Amino acid sequence: MGDEETGIPETSSSKYIDLDSVTEKYALIASYRDPFLGKSAGVKSSGLARKTSVVKPVPKPVTPPKPVVYIDWSFIQYNGLISNKGTAKLIGLLKIKDEDHIVSTNTSIGDVKITFLSKDSVGVIYQEQKKMIGR
C-alpha cells in the first residue's frame, strides 16, 4: 500500500496540491494612515502634481476685555437668617446702604439681586459681579 521505507501511507493525489506549480501574485495596498506622521501613507504618484488651494483662516475680530471694576462690598451686610419650619421658607436679614431689608432668594433690592441664602452667608449679584457675603 504505502511506501514501506518512509512509512508514509499512499493517498490519492487529488487531496494534495503541489506548491511549486502554484503561482499567485499579491500586491501590497498601502492606503492607510501613518500613525507617526498623521497622514496617509498612500502610493507615490507618478510625478503628476496636484493643484491644491490653501485656505487662509479668517482672523476673528479681537474684542478688548471689559475692564474689571472694583466694587466696595462693605455697603452690604448680612445679619442673619430666619426660617419658618411650617413652610420651609428662608428669609434673610440684610443691611444695604444703611437700610434694613427682609429678603428671600431671587429677590432684588435696587441693583442688588439675592441668589442664595444660608446660615452663615448670602450670595449677591451687583453690577454683573457675583459675591458671597458672610456674617
C-alpha atoms as a PDB file:
ATOM      1  CA  MET A   1       0.000   0.000   0.000  1.00  0.00           C
ATOM      2  CA  GLY A   2       2.340   2.704   1.102  1.00  0.00           C
ATOM      3  CA  ASP A   3       5.989   3.319   0.849  1.00  0.00           C
ATOM      4  CA  GLU A   4       7.488   0.911   3.342  1.00  0.00           C
ATOM      5  CA  GLU A   5      10.849   2.682   3.563  1.00  0.00           C
ATOM      6  CA  THR A   6       9.487   6.096   4.565  1.00  0.00           C
ATOM      7  CA  GLY A   7       6.435   4.958   6.471  1.00  0.00           C
ATOM      8  CA  ILE A   8       4.137   7.398   4.585  1.00  0.00           C
ATOM      9  CA  PRO A   9       0.822   5.831   3.573  1.00  0.00           C
ATOM     10  CA  GLU A  10      -0.181   6.015  -0.054  1.00  0.00           C
ATOM     11  CA  THR A  11      -3.012   8.504  -0.770  1.00  0.00           C
ATOM     12  CA  SER A  12      -4.732   9.827  -3.797  1.00  0.00           C
ATOM     13  CA  SER A  13      -3.022  12.796  -5.432  1.00  0.00           C
ATOM     14  CA  SER A  14      -6.241  14.843  -5.554  1.00  0.00           C
ATOM     15  CA  LYS A  15      -6.038  15.689  -1.838  1.00  0.00           C
ATOM     16  CA  TYR A  16      -2.624  17.348  -2.000  1.00  0.00           C
ATOM     17  CA  ILE A  17      -1.509  20.362  -4.051  1.00  0.00           C
ATOM     18  CA  ASP A  18       1.983  20.766  -5.380  1.00  0.00           C
ATOM     19  CA  LEU A  19       3.065  24.182  -4.075  1.00  0.00           C
ATOM     20  CA  ASP A  20       5.776  24.576  -6.701  1.00  0.00           C
ATOM     21  CA  SER A  21       3.224  24.524  -9.502  1.00  0.00           C
ATOM     22  CA  VAL A  22       1.013  27.262  -7.957  1.00  0.00           C
ATOM     23  CA  THR A  23       1.923  30.820  -8.935  1.00  0.00           C
ATOM     24  CA  GLU A  24      -0.059  33.605  -7.289  1.00  0.00           C
ATOM     25  CA  LYS A  25       0.760  37.268  -7.270  1.00  0.00           C
ATOM     26  CA  TYR A  26      -0.037  39.588  -4.380  1.00  0.00           C
ATOM     27  CA  ALA A  27       0.030  43.364  -4.291  1.00  0.00           C
ATOM     28  CA  LEU A  28       0.501  45.473  -1.174  1.00  0.00           C
ATOM     29  CA  ILE A  29      -2.135  48.175  -0.874  1.00  0.00           C
ATOM     30  CA  ALA A  30      -0.736  50.812   1.470  1.00  0.00           C
ATOM     31  CA  SER A  31      -3.512  53.369   1.688  1.00  0.00           C
ATOM     32  CA  TYR A  32      -3.683  53.502   5.456  1.00  0.00           C
ATOM     33  CA  ARG A  33      -2.921  56.399   7.771  1.00  0.00           C
ATOM     34  CA  ASP A  34       0.634  56.628   9.067  1.00  0.00           C
ATOM     35  CA  PRO A  35       0.322  56.648  12.883  1.00  0.00           C
ATOM     36  CA  PHE A  36       3.506  58.694  13.292  1.00  0.00           C
ATOM     37  CA  LEU A  37       3.002  61.334  10.627  1.00  0.00           C
ATOM     38  CA  GLY A  38      -0.768  61.565  10.929  1.00  0.00           C
ATOM     39  CA  LYS A  39      -1.331  61.443   7.179  1.00  0.00           C
ATOM     40  CA  SER A  40      -2.000  58.784   4.606  1.00  0.00           C
ATOM     41  CA  ALA A  41       0.953  56.660   3.510  1.00  0.00           C
ATOM     42  CA  GLY A  42      -0.566  56.193   0.062  1.00  0.00           C
ATOM     43  CA  VAL A  43       1.294  55.087  -3.038  1.00  0.00           C
ATOM     44  CA  LYS A  44       3.604  57.721  -4.501  1.00  0.00           C
ATOM     45  CA  SER A  45       2.242  59.411  -7.586  1.00  0.00           C
ATOM     46  CA  SER A  46       3.849  59.089 -10.961  1.00  0.00           C
ATOM     47  CA  GLY A  47       5.164  62.646 -10.951  1.00  0.00           C
ATOM     48  CA  LEU A  48       1.919  64.451 -11.711  1.00  0.00           C
ATOM     49  CA  ALA A  49       1.442  67.279  -9.297  1.00  0.00           C
ATOM     50  CA  ARG A  50      -1.955  68.065  -7.870  1.00  0.00           C
ATOM     51  CA  LYS A  51      -3.202  71.579  -7.632  1.00  0.00           C
ATOM     52  CA  THR A  52      -4.020  72.432  -4.066  1.00  0.00           C
ATOM     53  CA  SER A  53      -5.615  75.569  -2.824  1.00  0.00           C
ATOM     54  CA  VAL A  54      -4.603  76.992   0.513  1.00  0.00           C
ATOM     55  CA  VAL A  55      -7.421  78.489   2.514  1.00  0.00           C
ATOM     56  CA  LYS A  56      -6.209  81.139   4.872  1.00  0.00           C
ATOM     57  CA  PRO A  57      -8.048  81.265   8.191  1.00  0.00           C
ATOM     58  CA  VAL A  58     -10.203  84.316   8.679  1.00  0.00           C
ATOM     59  CA  PRO A  59      -8.955  86.265  11.689  1.00  0.00           C
ATOM     60  CA  LYS A  60     -11.513  86.642  14.433  1.00  0.00           C
ATOM     61  CA  PRO A  61     -12.272  90.195  15.468  1.00  0.00           C
ATOM     62  CA  VAL A  62     -10.472  90.990  18.678  1.00  0.00           C
ATOM     63  CA  THR A  63     -12.749  92.343  21.356  1.00  0.00           C
ATOM     64  CA  PRO A  64     -10.988  94.070  24.202  1.00  0.00           C
ATOM     65  CA  PRO A  65     -11.781  92.568  27.606  1.00  0.00           C
ATOM     66  CA  LYS A  66     -14.082  94.514  29.844  1.00  0.00           C
ATOM     67  CA  PRO A  67     -12.201  96.411  32.481  1.00  0.00           C
ATOM     68  CA  VAL A  68     -12.627  94.955  35.942  1.00  0.00           C
ATOM     69  CA  VAL A  69     -14.399  97.417  38.136  1.00  0.00           C
ATOM     70  CA  TYR A  70     -13.501  97.262  41.810  1.00  0.00           C
ATOM     71  CA  ILE A  71     -16.604  97.212  43.982  1.00  0.00           C
ATOM     72  CA  ASP A  72     -16.511  98.073  47.642  1.00  0.00           C
ATOM     73  CA  TRP A  73     -18.884  95.431  49.038  1.00  0.00           C
ATOM     74  CA  SER A  74     -18.952  96.964  52.508  1.00  0.00           C
ATOM     75  CA  PHE A  75     -22.310  98.629  51.818  1.00  0.00           C
ATOM     76  CA  ILE A  76     -23.952  95.160  52.100  1.00  0.00           C
ATOM     77  CA  GLN A  77     -24.086  93.440  55.494  1.00  0.00           C
ATOM     78  CA  TYR A  78     -25.646  90.050  56.229  1.00  0.00           C
ATOM     79  CA  ASN A  79     -27.298  89.970  59.643  1.00  0.00           C
ATOM     80  CA  GLY A  80     -28.843  86.510  59.734  1.00  0.00           C
ATOM     81  CA  LEU A  81     -31.432  84.001  58.580  1.00  0.00           C
ATOM     82  CA  ILE A  82     -34.983  83.337  59.674  1.00  0.00           C
ATOM     83  CA  SER A  83     -36.607  80.048  58.706  1.00  0.00           C
ATOM     84  CA  ASN A  84     -40.248  79.061  59.005  1.00  0.00           C
ATOM     85  CA  LYS A  85     -40.443  75.385  59.959  1.00  0.00           C
ATOM     86  CA  GLY A  86     -44.019  75.070  58.646  1.00  0.00           C
ATOM     87  CA  THR A  87     -43.350  76.317  55.112  1.00  0.00           C
ATOM     88  CA  ALA A  88     -39.556  75.787  54.973  1.00  0.00           C
ATOM     89  CA  LYS A  89     -39.190  79.284  53.520  1.00  0.00           C
ATOM     90  CA  LEU A  90     -35.914  81.083  54.238  1.00  0.00           C
ATOM     91  CA  ILE A  91     -35.852  84.814  54.941  1.00  0.00           C
ATOM     92  CA  GLY A  92     -32.615  86.778  55.229  1.00  0.00           C
ATOM     93  CA  LEU A  93     -31.904  89.995  57.081  1.00  0.00           C
ATOM     94  CA  LEU A  94     -29.701  92.350  55.068  1.00  0.00           C
ATOM     95  CA  LYS A  95     -28.484  95.861  55.578  1.00  0.00           C
ATOM     96  CA  ILE A  96     -27.925  97.604  52.237  1.00  0.00           C
ATOM     97  CA  LYS A  97     -26.638 101.199  52.310  1.00  0.00           C
ATOM     98  CA  ASP A  98     -27.617 101.548  55.993  1.00  0.00           C
ATOM     99  CA  GLU A  99     -31.205 100.400  55.349  1.00  0.00           C
ATOM    100  CA  ASP A 100     -32.563  97.136  56.798  1.00  0.00           C
ATOM    101  CA  HIS A 101     -34.262  94.751  54.385  1.00  0.00           C
ATOM    102  CA  ILE A 102     -36.011  91.397  54.689  1.00  0.00           C
ATOM    103  CA  VAL A 103     -35.232  89.333  51.575  1.00  0.00           C
ATOM    104  CA  SER A 104     -35.669  85.847  50.138  1.00  0.00           C
ATOM    105  CA  THR A 105     -33.935  84.035  47.280  1.00  0.00           C
ATOM    106  CA  ASN A 106     -34.207  85.599  43.775  1.00  0.00           C
ATOM    107  CA  THR A 107     -35.354  88.992  45.048  1.00  0.00           C
ATOM    108  CA  SER A 108     -33.847  92.317  44.043  1.00  0.00           C
ATOM    109  CA  ILE A 109     -33.355  95.485  46.017  1.00  0.00           C
ATOM    110  CA  GLY A 110     -32.240  98.224  43.676  1.00  0.00           C
ATOM    111  CA  ASP A 111     -29.252  96.876  41.741  1.00  0.00           C
ATOM    112  CA  VAL A 112     -28.566  94.084  44.257  1.00  0.00           C
ATOM    113  CA  LYS A 113     -30.011  90.635  43.476  1.00  0.00           C
ATOM    114  CA  ILE A 114     -30.035  87.867  46.089  1.00  0.00           C
ATOM    115  CA  THR A 115     -29.029  84.479  44.624  1.00  0.00           C
ATOM    116  CA  PHE A 116     -28.959  82.234  47.708  1.00  0.00           C
ATOM    117  CA  LEU A 117     -29.342  82.297  51.482  1.00  0.00           C
ATOM    118  CA  SER A 118     -27.642  80.103  54.054  1.00  0.00           C
ATOM    119  CA  LYS A 119     -26.954  80.197  57.793  1.00  0.00           C
ATOM    120  CA  ASP A 120     -23.635  81.979  57.531  1.00  0.00           C
ATOM    121  CA  SER A 121     -23.628  83.677  54.108  1.00  0.00           C
ATOM    122  CA  VAL A 122     -25.660  85.199  51.316  1.00  0.00           C
ATOM    123  CA  GLY A 123     -24.986  85.286  47.565  1.00  0.00           C
ATOM    124  CA  VAL A 124     -25.483  88.576  45.752  1.00  0.00           C
ATOM    125  CA  ILE A 125     -25.039  89.948  42.236  1.00  0.00           C
ATOM    126  CA  TYR A 126     -24.223  93.637  41.867  1.00  0.00           C
ATOM    127  CA  GLN A 127     -23.180  95.280  38.569  1.00  0.00           C
ATOM    128  CA  GLU A 128     -22.786  91.829  36.924  1.00  0.00           C
ATOM    129  CA  GLN A 129     -20.340  90.663  39.600  1.00  0.00           C
ATOM    130  CA  LYS A 130     -21.114  87.790  41.964  1.00  0.00           C
ATOM    131  CA  LYS A 131     -20.097  87.805  45.596  1.00  0.00           C
ATOM    132  CA  MET A 132     -20.693  85.672  48.665  1.00  0.00           C
ATOM    133  CA  ILE A 133     -21.004  87.808  51.765  1.00  0.00           C
ATOM    134  CA  GLY A 134     -20.589  86.221  55.175  1.00  0.00           C
ATOM    135  CA  ARG A 135     -21.794  87.336  58.562  1.00  0.00           C
END
